[in-house]
Amino acid sequence: MKQYTKTHEWVEVKDGVAYVGISAYAAEELGEVVYVDLPEEGQSVTAGEPLCEIESVKAVAEVNSPVNGKVVKVNDALADAPETLNGDDEAWICAVEFDSLADDLMDEATYKASLE
């Protein structure tokens, strides 16, 4: 089950690893994504702090980490096809071996209500 941040990232824990991506709302607001500055494997991340940057035709946006931990895998496919983030709300940016999740995560219904 995905959980969401106020800054439009999502996290989904699978087999003890947290997969991180951006919400469909964030992708729509950004417009056509043209580049993803992927984090490095082994990089430490802190909940609420920048994880990476996404560049679109409209803007550059920081992606904040929804977890505390260490990046163990990056979605290398985004290097060649960053636009995947626009059309696939299952597209993840990185996987994190995490110590803890952010305190203020929302379930999908609460997140969608926050957008209204």
PDB file of N, CA and C in Angstrom:
ATOM      1  N   MET A   1       0.835  -1.183   0.000  1.00  0.00           N
ATOM      2  CA  MET A   1       0.000   0.000   0.000  1.00  0.00           C
ATOM      3  C   MET A   1       0.886   1.256   0.000  1.00  0.00           C
ATOM      4  N   LYS A   2       0.609   2.136  -0.926  1.00  0.00           N
ATOM      5  CA  LYS A   2       1.379   3.370  -1.010  1.00  0.00           C
ATOM      6  C   LYS A   2       0.943   4.346   0.076  1.00  0.00           C
ATOM      7  N   GLN A   3       1.935   5.099   0.546  1.00  0.00           N
ATOM      8  CA  GLN A   3       1.694   6.215   1.445  1.00  0.00           C
ATOM      9  C   GLN A   3       2.323   7.438   0.795  1.00  0.00           C
ATOM     10  N   TYR A   4       1.763   8.616   1.093  1.00  0.00           N
ATOM     11  CA  TYR A   4       2.142   9.844   0.397  1.00  0.00           C
ATOM     12  C   TYR A   4       2.620  10.915   1.364  1.00  0.00           C
ATOM     13  N   THR A   5       3.476  11.803   0.835  1.00  0.00           N
ATOM     14  CA  THR A   5       3.948  12.954   1.607  1.00  0.00           C
ATOM     15  C   THR A   5       3.185  14.199   1.177  1.00  0.00           C
ATOM     16  N   LYS A   6       3.292  15.243   1.970  1.00  0.00           N
ATOM     17  CA  LYS A   6       2.682  16.534   1.621  1.00  0.00           C
ATOM     18  C   LYS A   6       3.330  17.128   0.379  1.00  0.00           C
ATOM     19  N   THR A   7       4.563  16.715   0.094  1.00  0.00           N
ATOM     20  CA  THR A   7       5.289  17.255  -1.061  1.00  0.00           C
ATOM     21  C   THR A   7       5.183  16.338  -2.284  1.00  0.00           C
ATOM     22  N   HIS A   8       4.218  15.411  -2.274  1.00  0.00           N
ATOM     23  CA  HIS A   8       3.798  14.618  -3.443  1.00  0.00           C
ATOM     24  C   HIS A   8       4.709  13.453  -3.823  1.00  0.00           C
ATOM     25  N   GLU A   9       5.476  12.945  -2.875  1.00  0.00           N
ATOM     26  CA  GLU A   9       6.205  11.707  -3.103  1.00  0.00           C
ATOM     27  C   GLU A   9       5.362  10.554  -2.561  1.00  0.00           C
ATOM     28  N   TRP A  10       5.623   9.358  -3.067  1.00  0.00           N
ATOM     29  CA  TRP A  10       4.994   8.173  -2.491  1.00  0.00           C
ATOM     30  C   TRP A  10       6.072   7.184  -2.070  1.00  0.00           C
ATOM     31  N   VAL A  11       5.692   6.320  -1.142  1.00  0.00           N
ATOM     32  CA  VAL A  11       6.571   5.243  -0.700  1.00  0.00           C
ATOM     33  C   VAL A  11       5.721   3.984  -0.579  1.00  0.00           C
ATOM     34  N   GLU A  12       6.287   2.885  -1.030  1.00  0.00           N
ATOM     35  CA  GLU A  12       5.617   1.596  -0.904  1.00  0.00           C
ATOM     36  C   GLU A  12       6.649   0.586  -0.440  1.00  0.00           C
ATOM     37  N   VAL A  13       6.356  -0.086   0.670  1.00  0.00           N
ATOM     38  CA  VAL A  13       7.284  -1.063   1.221  1.00  0.00           C
ATOM     39  C   VAL A  13       6.949  -2.440   0.654  1.00  0.00           C
ATOM     40  N   LYS A  14       7.961  -3.049   0.031  1.00  0.00           N
ATOM     41  CA  LYS A  14       7.832  -4.397  -0.528  1.00  0.00           C
ATOM     42  C   LYS A  14       9.025  -5.206  -0.059  1.00  0.00           C
ATOM     43  N   ASP A  15       8.749  -6.323   0.590  1.00  0.00           N
ATOM     44  CA  ASP A  15       9.817  -7.211   1.075  1.00  0.00           C
ATOM     45  C   ASP A  15      10.855  -6.470   1.901  1.00  0.00           C
ATOM     46  N   GLY A  16      10.403  -5.536   2.734  1.00  0.00           N
ATOM     47  CA  GLY A  16      11.284  -4.824   3.641  1.00  0.00           C
ATOM     48  C   GLY A  16      12.083  -3.695   3.026  1.00  0.00           C
ATOM     49  N   VAL A  17      11.813  -3.383   1.757  1.00  0.00           N
ATOM     50  CA  VAL A  17      12.518  -2.297   1.070  1.00  0.00           C
ATOM     51  C   VAL A  17      11.486  -1.243   0.665  1.00  0.00           C
ATOM     52  N   ALA A  18      11.826   0.034   0.847  1.00  0.00           N
ATOM     53  CA  ALA A  18      10.917   1.133   0.522  1.00  0.00           C
ATOM     54  C   ALA A  18      11.204   1.631  -0.894  1.00  0.00           C
ATOM     55  N   TYR A  19      10.203   1.527  -1.763  1.00  0.00           N
ATOM     56  CA  TYR A  19      10.308   2.063  -3.119  1.00  0.00           C
ATOM     57  C   TYR A  19       9.718   3.465  -3.112  1.00  0.00           C
ATOM     58  N   VAL A  20      10.407   4.403  -3.763  1.00  0.00           N
ATOM     59  CA  VAL A  20      10.035   5.814  -3.721  1.00  0.00           C
ATOM     60  C   VAL A  20       9.759   6.310  -5.134  1.00  0.00           C
ATOM     61  N   GLY A  21       8.677   7.086  -5.270  1.00  0.00           N
ATOM     62  CA  GLY A  21       8.340   7.700  -6.549  1.00  0.00           C
ATOM     63  C   GLY A  21       7.607   9.012  -6.311  1.00  0.00           C
ATOM     64  N   ILE A  22       7.097   9.597  -7.399  1.00  0.00           N
ATOM     65  CA  ILE A  22       6.298  10.819  -7.268  1.00  0.00           C
ATOM     66  C   ILE A  22       4.858  10.507  -7.640  1.00  0.00           C
ATOM     67  N   SER A  23       3.951  11.259  -7.062  1.00  0.00           N
ATOM     68  CA  SER A  23       2.534  11.031  -7.316  1.00  0.00           C
ATOM     69  C   SER A  23       2.154  11.456  -8.731  1.00  0.00           C
ATOM     70  N   ALA A  24       1.036  10.938  -9.206  1.00  0.00           N
ATOM     71  CA  ALA A  24       0.515  11.324 -10.514  1.00  0.00           C
ATOM     72  C   ALA A  24       0.244  12.827 -10.543  1.00  0.00           C
ATOM     73  N   TYR A  25      -0.217  13.369  -9.418  1.00  0.00           N
ATOM     74  CA  TYR A  25      -0.468  14.812  -9.323  1.00  0.00           C
ATOM     75  C   TYR A  25       0.838  15.591  -9.564  1.00  0.00           C
ATOM     76  N   ALA A  26       1.917  15.162  -8.918  1.00  0.00           N
ATOM     77  CA  ALA A  26       3.208  15.844  -9.079  1.00  0.00           C
ATOM     78  C   ALA A  26       3.679  15.760 -10.526  1.00  0.00           C
ATOM     79  N   ALA A  27       3.542  14.585 -11.130  1.00  0.00           N
ATOM     80  CA  ALA A  27       3.972  14.412 -12.516  1.00  0.00           C
ATOM     81  C   ALA A  27       3.171  15.315 -13.446  1.00  0.00           C
ATOM     82  N   GLU A  28       1.874  15.429 -13.195  1.00  0.00           N
ATOM     83  CA  GLU A  28       1.020  16.287 -14.020  1.00  0.00           C
ATOM     84  C   GLU A  28       1.401  17.757 -13.855  1.00  0.00           C
ATOM     85  N   GLU A  29       1.660  18.165 -12.625  1.00  0.00           N
ATOM     86  CA  GLU A  29       2.036  19.554 -12.358  1.00  0.00           C
ATOM     87  C   GLU A  29       3.386  19.904 -12.987  1.00  0.00           C
ATOM     88  N   LEU A  30       4.308  18.956 -12.993  1.00  0.00           N
ATOM     89  CA  LEU A  30       5.629  19.200 -13.567  1.00  0.00           C
ATOM     90  C   LEU A  30       5.571  19.334 -15.084  1.00  0.00           C
ATOM     91  N   GLY A  31       4.679  18.609 -15.707  1.00  0.00           N
ATOM     92  CA  GLY A  31       4.665  18.574 -17.167  1.00  0.00           C
ATOM     93  C   GLY A  31       5.632  17.509 -17.644  1.00  0.00           C
ATOM     94  N   GLU A  32       6.041  17.587 -18.881  1.00  0.00           N
ATOM     95  CA  GLU A  32       6.880  16.558 -19.478  1.00  0.00           C
ATOM     96  C   GLU A  32       8.242  16.487 -18.790  1.00  0.00           C
ATOM     97  N   VAL A  33       8.516  15.349 -18.152  1.00  0.00           N
ATOM     98  CA  VAL A  33       9.799  15.141 -17.480  1.00  0.00           C
ATOM     99  C   VAL A  33      10.850  14.834 -18.542  1.00  0.00           C
ATOM    100  N   VAL A  34      11.978  15.573 -18.482  1.00  0.00           N
ATOM    101  CA  VAL A  34      13.035  15.402 -19.472  1.00  0.00           C
ATOM    102  C   VAL A  34      14.340  14.857 -18.874  1.00  0.00           C
ATOM    103  N   TYR A  35      14.462  14.890 -17.542  1.00  0.00           N
ATOM    104  CA  TYR A  35      15.695  14.403 -16.915  1.00  0.00           C
ATOM    105  C   TYR A  35      15.438  14.107 -15.446  1.00  0.00           C
ATOM    106  N   VAL A  36      16.027  13.003 -14.976  1.00  0.00           N
ATOM    107  CA  VAL A  36      15.976  12.670 -13.557  1.00  0.00           C
ATOM    108  C   VAL A  36      17.413  12.527 -13.067  1.00  0.00           C
ATOM    109  N   ASP A  37      17.782  13.346 -12.099  1.00  0.00           N
ATOM    110  CA  ASP A  37      19.101  13.268 -11.473  1.00  0.00           C
ATOM    111  C   ASP A  37      19.000  12.209 -10.379  1.00  0.00           C
ATOM    112  N   LEU A  38      19.265  10.962 -10.755  1.00  0.00           N
ATOM    113  CA  LEU A  38      19.064   9.834  -9.844  1.00  0.00           C
ATOM    114  C   LEU A  38      20.028   9.883  -8.666  1.00  0.00           C
ATOM    115  N   PRO A  39      19.574   9.427  -7.505  1.00  0.00           N
ATOM    116  CA  PRO A  39      20.492   9.336  -6.359  1.00  0.00           C
ATOM    117  C   PRO A  39      21.509   8.219  -6.612  1.00  0.00           C
ATOM    118  N   GLU A  40      22.540   8.178  -5.816  1.00  0.00           N
ATOM    119  CA  GLU A  40      23.583   7.157  -5.939  1.00  0.00           C
ATOM    120  C   GLU A  40      23.256   5.975  -5.021  1.00  0.00           C
ATOM    121  N   GLU A  41      23.546   4.773  -5.496  1.00  0.00           N
ATOM    122  CA  GLU A  41      23.434   3.616  -4.614  1.00  0.00           C
ATOM    123  C   GLU A  41      24.409   3.799  -3.462  1.00  0.00           C
ATOM    124  N   GLY A  42      23.959   3.498  -2.257  1.00  0.00           N
ATOM    125  CA  GLY A  42      24.783   3.677  -1.070  1.00  0.00           C
ATOM    126  C   GLY A  42      24.589   5.027  -0.402  1.00  0.00           C
ATOM    127  N   GLN A  43      23.906   5.943  -1.085  1.00  0.00           N
ATOM    128  CA  GLN A  43      23.649   7.281  -0.533  1.00  0.00           C
ATOM    129  C   GLN A  43      22.707   7.192   0.660  1.00  0.00           C
ATOM    130  N   SER A  44      23.034   7.881   1.734  1.00  0.00           N
ATOM    131  CA  SER A  44      22.144   7.970   2.892  1.00  0.00           C
ATOM    132  C   SER A  44      21.079   9.017   2.613  1.00  0.00           C
ATOM    133  N   VAL A  45      19.849   8.729   3.033  1.00  0.00           N
ATOM    134  CA  VAL A  45      18.748   9.666   2.840  1.00  0.00           C
ATOM    135  C   VAL A  45      18.032   9.900   4.164  1.00  0.00           C
ATOM    136  N   THR A  46      17.483  11.104   4.289  1.00  0.00           N
ATOM    137  CA  THR A  46      16.776  11.508   5.500  1.00  0.00           C
ATOM    138  C   THR A  46      15.382  11.958   5.127  1.00  0.00           C
ATOM    139  N   ALA A  47      14.391  11.476   5.851  1.00  0.00           N
ATOM    140  CA  ALA A  47      12.999  11.838   5.584  1.00  0.00           C
ATOM    141  C   ALA A  47      12.840  13.351   5.588  1.00  0.00           C
ATOM    142  N   GLY A  48      12.191  13.869   4.554  1.00  0.00           N
ATOM    143  CA  GLY A  48      11.946  15.300   4.440  1.00  0.00           C
ATOM    144  C   GLY A  48      13.058  16.076   3.769  1.00  0.00           C
ATOM    145  N   GLU A  49      14.190  15.419   3.507  1.00  0.00           N
ATOM    146  CA  GLU A  49      15.329  16.069   2.867  1.00  0.00           C
ATOM    147  C   GLU A  49      15.395  15.671   1.384  1.00  0.00           C
ATOM    148  N   PRO A  50      16.037  16.497   0.542  1.00  0.00           N
ATOM    149  CA  PRO A  50      16.125  16.176  -0.880  1.00  0.00           C
ATOM    150  C   PRO A  50      16.811  14.836  -1.151  1.00  0.00           C
ATOM    151  N   LEU A  51      16.200  14.098  -2.062  1.00  0.00           N
ATOM    152  CA  LEU A  51      16.698  12.792  -2.480  1.00  0.00           C
ATOM    153  C   LEU A  51      17.319  12.893  -3.874  1.00  0.00           C
ATOM    154  N   CYS A  52      16.644  13.636  -4.747  1.00  0.00           N
ATOM    155  CA  CYS A  52      17.124  13.841  -6.111  1.00  0.00           C
ATOM    156  C   CYS A  52      16.351  15.003  -6.732  1.00  0.00           C
ATOM    157  N   GLU A  53      16.668  15.311  -8.002  1.00  0.00           N
ATOM    158  CA  GLU A  53      15.954  16.363  -8.720  1.00  0.00           C
ATOM    159  C   GLU A  53      15.359  15.800  -9.999  1.00  0.00           C
ATOM    160  N   ILE A  54      14.212  16.378 -10.366  1.00  0.00           N
ATOM    161  CA  ILE A  54      13.554  16.041 -11.620  1.00  0.00           C
ATOM    162  C   ILE A  54      13.446  17.326 -12.424  1.00  0.00           C
ATOM    163  N   GLU A  55      13.850  17.241 -13.693  1.00  0.00           N
ATOM    164  CA  GLU A  55      13.724  18.394 -14.582  1.00  0.00           C
ATOM    165  C   GLU A  55      12.607  18.120 -15.576  1.00  0.00           C
ATOM    166  N   SER A  56      11.760  19.124 -15.764  1.00  0.00           N
ATOM    167  CA  SER A  56      10.707  19.027 -16.773  1.00  0.00           C
ATOM    168  C   SER A  56      10.828  20.224 -17.698  1.00  0.00           C
ATOM    169  N   VAL A  57       9.956  20.278 -18.689  1.00  0.00           N
ATOM    170  CA  VAL A  57       9.989  21.422 -19.595  1.00  0.00           C
ATOM    171  C   VAL A  57       9.549  22.691 -18.870  1.00  0.00           C
ATOM    172  N   LYS A  58       8.851  22.543 -17.731  1.00  0.00           N
ATOM    173  CA  LYS A  58       8.345  23.691 -16.984  1.00  0.00           C
ATOM    174  C   LYS A  58       9.217  24.108 -15.806  1.00  0.00           C
ATOM    175  N   ALA A  59       9.883  23.148 -15.160  1.00  0.00           N
ATOM    176  CA  ALA A  59      10.555  23.471 -13.894  1.00  0.00           C
ATOM    177  C   ALA A  59      11.563  22.391 -13.507  1.00  0.00           C
ATOM    178  N   VAL A  60      12.326  22.710 -12.475  1.00  0.00           N
ATOM    179  CA  VAL A  60      13.174  21.734 -11.798  1.00  0.00           C
ATOM    180  C   VAL A  60      12.597  21.575 -10.402  1.00  0.00           C
ATOM    181  N   ALA A  61      12.382  20.330  -9.994  1.00  0.00           N
ATOM    182  CA  ALA A  61      11.772  20.083  -8.687  1.00  0.00           C
ATOM    183  C   ALA A  61      12.615  19.097  -7.894  1.00  0.00           C
ATOM    184  N   GLU A  62      12.714  19.353  -6.603  1.00  0.00           N
ATOM    185  CA  GLU A  62      13.379  18.409  -5.716  1.00  0.00           C
ATOM    186  C   GLU A  62      12.395  17.326  -5.319  1.00  0.00           C
ATOM    187  N   VAL A  63      12.903  16.113  -5.219  1.00  0.00           N
ATOM    188  CA  VAL A  63      12.133  14.994  -4.683  1.00  0.00           C
ATOM    189  C   VAL A  63      12.665  14.759  -3.284  1.00  0.00           C
ATOM    190  N   ASN A  64      11.792  14.849  -2.299  1.00  0.00           N
ATOM    191  CA  ASN A  64      12.198  14.650  -0.914  1.00  0.00           C
ATOM    192  C   ASN A  64      11.999  13.195  -0.513  1.00  0.00           C
ATOM    193  N   SER A  65      12.877  12.711   0.319  1.00  0.00           N
ATOM    194  CA  SER A  65      12.783  11.329   0.770  1.00  0.00           C
ATOM    195  C   SER A  65      11.657  11.176   1.799  1.00  0.00           C
ATOM    196  N   PRO A  66      10.831  10.137   1.644  1.00  0.00           N
ATOM    197  CA  PRO A  66       9.811   9.859   2.653  1.00  0.00           C
ATOM    198  C   PRO A  66      10.311   8.886   3.730  1.00  0.00           C
ATOM    199  N   VAL A  67      11.595   8.527   3.677  1.00  0.00           N
ATOM    200  CA  VAL A  67      12.157   7.558   4.614  1.00  0.00           C
ATOM    201  C   VAL A  67      13.566   7.959   5.035  1.00  0.00           C
ATOM    202  N   ASN A  68      14.013   7.349   6.131  1.00  0.00           N
ATOM    203  CA  ASN A  68      15.403   7.447   6.570  1.00  0.00           C
ATOM    204  C   ASN A  68      16.066   6.123   6.215  1.00  0.00           C
ATOM    205  N   GLY A  69      17.231   6.176   5.598  1.00  0.00           N
ATOM    206  CA  GLY A  69      17.921   4.937   5.276  1.00  0.00           C
ATOM    207  C   GLY A  69      18.993   5.118   4.233  1.00  0.00           C
ATOM    208  N   LYS A  70      19.225   4.039   3.442  1.00  0.00           N
ATOM    209  CA  LYS A  70      20.289   4.029   2.446  1.00  0.00           C
ATOM    210  C   LYS A  70      19.731   3.511   1.121  1.00  0.00           C
ATOM    211  N   VAL A  71      20.041   4.216   0.040  1.00  0.00           N
ATOM    212  CA  VAL A  71      19.605   3.812  -1.294  1.00  0.00           C
ATOM    213  C   VAL A  71      20.315   2.507  -1.660  1.00  0.00           C
ATOM    214  N   VAL A  72      19.539   1.490  -2.011  1.00  0.00           N
ATOM    215  CA  VAL A  72      20.127   0.201  -2.387  1.00  0.00           C
ATOM    216  C   VAL A  72      19.951  -0.112  -3.872  1.00  0.00           C
ATOM    217  N   LYS A  73      19.067   0.631  -4.543  1.00  0.00           N
ATOM    218  CA  LYS A  73      18.841   0.395  -5.965  1.00  0.00           C
ATOM    219  C   LYS A  73      18.232   1.647  -6.583  1.00  0.00           C
ATOM    220  N   VAL A  74      18.637   1.966  -7.810  1.00  0.00           N
ATOM    221  CA  VAL A  74      18.026   3.075  -8.540  1.00  0.00           C
ATOM    222  C   VAL A  74      17.384   2.529  -9.815  1.00  0.00           C
ATOM    223  N   ASN A  75      16.368   3.206 -10.283  1.00  0.00           N
ATOM    224  CA  ASN A  75      15.667   2.812 -11.494  1.00  0.00           C
ATOM    225  C   ASN A  75      16.429   3.391 -12.689  1.00  0.00           C
ATOM    226  N   ASP A  76      17.443   2.659 -13.145  1.00  0.00           N
ATOM    227  CA  ASP A  76      18.315   3.122 -14.234  1.00  0.00           C
ATOM    228  C   ASP A  76      17.550   3.384 -15.529  1.00  0.00           C
ATOM    229  N   ALA A  77      16.385   2.768 -15.705  1.00  0.00           N
ATOM    230  CA  ALA A  77      15.595   2.972 -16.917  1.00  0.00           C
ATOM    231  C   ALA A  77      15.197   4.444 -17.070  1.00  0.00           C
ATOM    232  N   LEU A  78      15.117   5.166 -15.948  1.00  0.00           N
ATOM    233  CA  LEU A  78      14.740   6.587 -16.005  1.00  0.00           C
ATOM    234  C   LEU A  78      15.818   7.444 -16.662  1.00  0.00           C
ATOM    235  N   ALA A  79      17.049   6.966 -16.688  1.00  0.00           N
ATOM    236  CA  ALA A  79      18.124   7.728 -17.340  1.00  0.00           C
ATOM    237  C   ALA A  79      17.842   7.860 -18.836  1.00  0.00           C
ATOM    238  N   ASP A  80      17.334   6.799 -19.446  1.00  0.00           N
ATOM    239  CA  ASP A  80      17.031   6.812 -20.879  1.00  0.00           C
ATOM    240  C   ASP A  80      15.598   7.217 -21.182  1.00  0.00           C
ATOM    241  N   ALA A  81      14.701   7.030 -20.216  1.00  0.00           N
ATOM    242  CA  ALA A  81      13.282   7.320 -20.443  1.00  0.00           C
ATOM    243  C   ALA A  81      12.664   8.028 -19.239  1.00  0.00           C
ATOM    244  N   PRO A  82      13.127   9.270 -18.931  1.00  0.00           N
ATOM    245  CA  PRO A  82      12.611   9.983 -17.756  1.00  0.00           C
ATOM    246  C   PRO A  82      11.112  10.255 -17.845  1.00  0.00           C
ATOM    247  N   GLU A  83      10.583  10.325 -19.070  1.00  0.00           N
ATOM    248  CA  GLU A  83       9.161  10.590 -19.267  1.00  0.00           C
ATOM    249  C   GLU A  83       8.275   9.466 -18.715  1.00  0.00           C
ATOM    250  N   THR A  84       8.886   8.334 -18.376  1.00  0.00           N
ATOM    251  CA  THR A  84       8.140   7.238 -17.753  1.00  0.00           C
ATOM    252  C   THR A  84       7.407   7.726 -16.508  1.00  0.00           C
ATOM    253  N   LEU A  85       7.988   8.686 -15.793  1.00  0.00           N
ATOM    254  CA  LEU A  85       7.357   9.222 -14.586  1.00  0.00           C
ATOM    255  C   LEU A  85       6.028   9.922 -14.897  1.00  0.00           C
ATOM    256  N   ASN A  86       5.853  10.392 -16.132  1.00  0.00           N
ATOM    257  CA  ASN A  86       4.611  11.075 -16.493  1.00  0.00           C
ATOM    258  C   ASN A  86       3.458  10.113 -16.735  1.00  0.00           C
ATOM    259  N   GLY A  87       3.744   8.957 -17.281  1.00  0.00           N
ATOM    260  CA  GLY A  87       2.649   8.095 -17.691  1.00  0.00           C
ATOM    261  C   GLY A  87       2.432   6.863 -16.851  1.00  0.00           C
ATOM    262  N   ASP A  88       3.291   6.633 -15.875  1.00  0.00           N
ATOM    263  CA  ASP A  88       3.205   5.401 -15.096  1.00  0.00           C
ATOM    264  C   ASP A  88       3.315   5.732 -13.612  1.00  0.00           C
ATOM    265  N   ASP A  89       2.180   5.705 -12.916  1.00  0.00           N
ATOM    266  CA  ASP A  89       2.229   6.065 -11.491  1.00  0.00           C
ATOM    267  C   ASP A  89       2.817   4.948 -10.626  1.00  0.00           C
ATOM    268  N   GLU A  90       3.258   3.855 -11.260  1.00  0.00           N
ATOM    269  CA  GLU A  90       3.989   2.805 -10.546  1.00  0.00           C
ATOM    270  C   GLU A  90       5.496   2.964 -10.737  1.00  0.00           C
ATOM    271  N   ALA A  91       5.916   3.918 -11.572  1.00  0.00           N
ATOM    272  CA  ALA A  91       7.343   4.117 -11.842  1.00  0.00           C
ATOM    273  C   ALA A  91       8.028   4.628 -10.579  1.00  0.00           C
ATOM    274  N   TRP A  92       9.012   3.898 -10.125  1.00  0.00           N
ATOM    275  CA  TRP A  92       9.743   4.269  -8.920  1.00  0.00           C
ATOM    276  C   TRP A  92      11.082   4.872  -9.301  1.00  0.00           C
ATOM    277  N   ILE A  93      11.607   5.674  -8.393  1.00  0.00           N
ATOM    278  CA  ILE A  93      12.886   6.344  -8.618  1.00  0.00           C
ATOM    279  C   ILE A  93      14.031   5.547  -7.995  1.00  0.00           C
ATOM    280  N   CYS A  94      13.827   5.137  -6.758  1.00  0.00           N
ATOM    281  CA  CYS A  94      14.865   4.359  -6.081  1.00  0.00           C
ATOM    282  C   CYS A  94      14.241   3.471  -5.017  1.00  0.00           C
ATOM    283  N   ALA A  95      15.046   2.522  -4.558  1.00  0.00           N
ATOM    284  CA  ALA A  95      14.657   1.638  -3.467  1.00  0.00           C
ATOM    285  C   ALA A  95      15.598   1.922  -2.298  1.00  0.00           C
ATOM    286  N   VAL A  96      15.007   1.985  -1.102  1.00  0.00           N
ATOM    287  CA  VAL A  96      15.777   2.366   0.081  1.00  0.00           C
ATOM    288  C   VAL A  96      15.639   1.304   1.163  1.00  0.00           C
ATOM    289  N   GLU A  97      16.788   0.863   1.677  1.00  0.00           N
ATOM    290  CA  GLU A  97      16.797   0.017   2.870  1.00  0.00           C
ATOM    291  C   GLU A  97      16.603   1.008   4.011  1.00  0.00           C
ATOM    292  N   PHE A  98      15.442   0.949   4.647  1.00  0.00           N
ATOM    293  CA  PHE A  98      15.080   2.049   5.542  1.00  0.00           C
ATOM    294  C   PHE A  98      15.094   1.669   7.014  1.00  0.00           C
ATOM    295  N   ASP A  99      15.381   2.696   7.825  1.00  0.00           N
ATOM    296  CA  ASP A  99      15.334   2.573   9.279  1.00  0.00           C
ATOM    297  C   ASP A  99      13.954   2.967   9.782  1.00  0.00           C
ATOM    298  N   SER A 100      13.395   4.016   9.163  1.00  0.00           N
ATOM    299  CA  SER A 100      12.075   4.493   9.575  1.00  0.00           C
ATOM    300  C   SER A 100      11.436   5.292   8.446  1.00  0.00           C
ATOM    301  N   LEU A 101      10.105   5.363   8.514  1.00  0.00           N
ATOM    302  CA  LEU A 101       9.322   6.153   7.570  1.00  0.00           C
ATOM    303  C   LEU A 101       9.084   7.538   8.169  1.00  0.00           C
ATOM    304  N   ALA A 102       8.790   8.501   7.308  1.00  0.00           N
ATOM    305  CA  ALA A 102       8.435   9.839   7.800  1.00  0.00           C
ATOM    306  C   ALA A 102       7.193   9.733   8.687  1.00  0.00           C
ATOM    307  N   ASP A 103       7.085  10.631   9.661  1.00  0.00           N
ATOM    308  CA  ASP A 103       5.975  10.601  10.616  1.00  0.00           C
ATOM    309  C   ASP A 103       4.646  11.049  10.023  1.00  0.00           C
ATOM    310  N   ASP A 104       4.692  11.874   8.983  1.00  0.00           N
ATOM    311  CA  ASP A 104       3.468  12.511   8.494  1.00  0.00           C
ATOM    312  C   ASP A 104       2.952  11.937   7.171  1.00  0.00           C
ATOM    313  N   LEU A 105       3.195  10.654   6.921  1.00  0.00           N
ATOM    314  CA  LEU A 105       2.715  10.038   5.686  1.00  0.00           C
ATOM    315  C   LEU A 105       1.193   9.893   5.713  1.00  0.00           C
ATOM    316  N   MET A 106       0.595   9.972   4.522  1.00  0.00           N
ATOM    317  CA  MET A 106      -0.862   9.880   4.388  1.00  0.00           C
ATOM    318  C   MET A 106      -1.229   8.667   3.541  1.00  0.00           C
ATOM    319  N   ASP A 107      -2.387   8.072   3.834  1.00  0.00           N
ATOM    320  CA  ASP A 107      -2.882   7.035   2.938  1.00  0.00           C
ATOM    321  C   ASP A 107      -3.434   7.719   1.694  1.00  0.00           C
ATOM    322  N   GLU A 108      -3.803   6.941   0.683  1.00  0.00           N
ATOM    323  CA  GLU A 108      -4.203   7.516  -0.606  1.00  0.00           C
ATOM    324  C   GLU A 108      -5.436   8.418  -0.483  1.00  0.00           C
ATOM    325  N   ALA A 109      -6.427   7.991   0.277  1.00  0.00           N
ATOM    326  CA  ALA A 109      -7.647   8.780   0.417  1.00  0.00           C
ATOM    327  C   ALA A 109      -7.354  10.136   1.071  1.00  0.00           C
ATOM    328  N   THR A 110      -6.547  10.136   2.111  1.00  0.00           N
ATOM    329  CA  THR A 110      -6.196  11.391   2.795  1.00  0.00           C
ATOM    330  C   THR A 110      -5.388  12.287   1.876  1.00  0.00           C
ATOM    331  N   TYR A 111      -4.455  11.684   1.133  1.00  0.00           N
ATOM    332  CA  TYR A 111      -3.644  12.459   0.193  1.00  0.00           C
ATOM    333  C   TYR A 111      -4.521  13.122  -0.873  1.00  0.00           C
ATOM    334  N   LYS A 112      -5.403  12.331  -1.467  1.00  0.00           N
ATOM    335  CA  LYS A 112      -6.272  12.893  -2.530  1.00  0.00           C
ATOM    336  C   LYS A 112      -7.162  14.008  -1.969  1.00  0.00           C
ATOM    337  N   ALA A 113      -7.637  13.842  -0.744  1.00  0.00           N
ATOM    338  CA  ALA A 113      -8.461  14.866  -0.114  1.00  0.00           C
ATOM    339  C   ALA A 113      -7.643  16.138   0.111  1.00  0.00           C
ATOM    340  N   SER A 114      -6.355  16.004   0.364  1.00  0.00           N
ATOM    341  CA  SER A 114      -5.502  17.167   0.611  1.00  0.00           C
ATOM    342  C   SER A 114      -5.282  17.991  -0.654  1.00  0.00           C
ATOM    343  N   LEU A 115      -5.543  17.392  -1.819  1.00  0.00           N
ATOM    344  CA  LEU A 115      -5.347  18.081  -3.088  1.00  0.00           C
ATOM    345  C   LEU A 115      -6.521  18.958  -3.464  1.00  0.00           C
ATOM    346  N   GLU A 116      -7.645  18.749  -2.810  1.00  0.00           N
ATOM    347  CA  GLU A 116      -8.874  19.474  -3.156  1.00  0.00           C
ATOM    348  C   GLU A 116      -8.917  20.857  -2.532  1.00  0.00           C
TER     349      GLU A 116
END
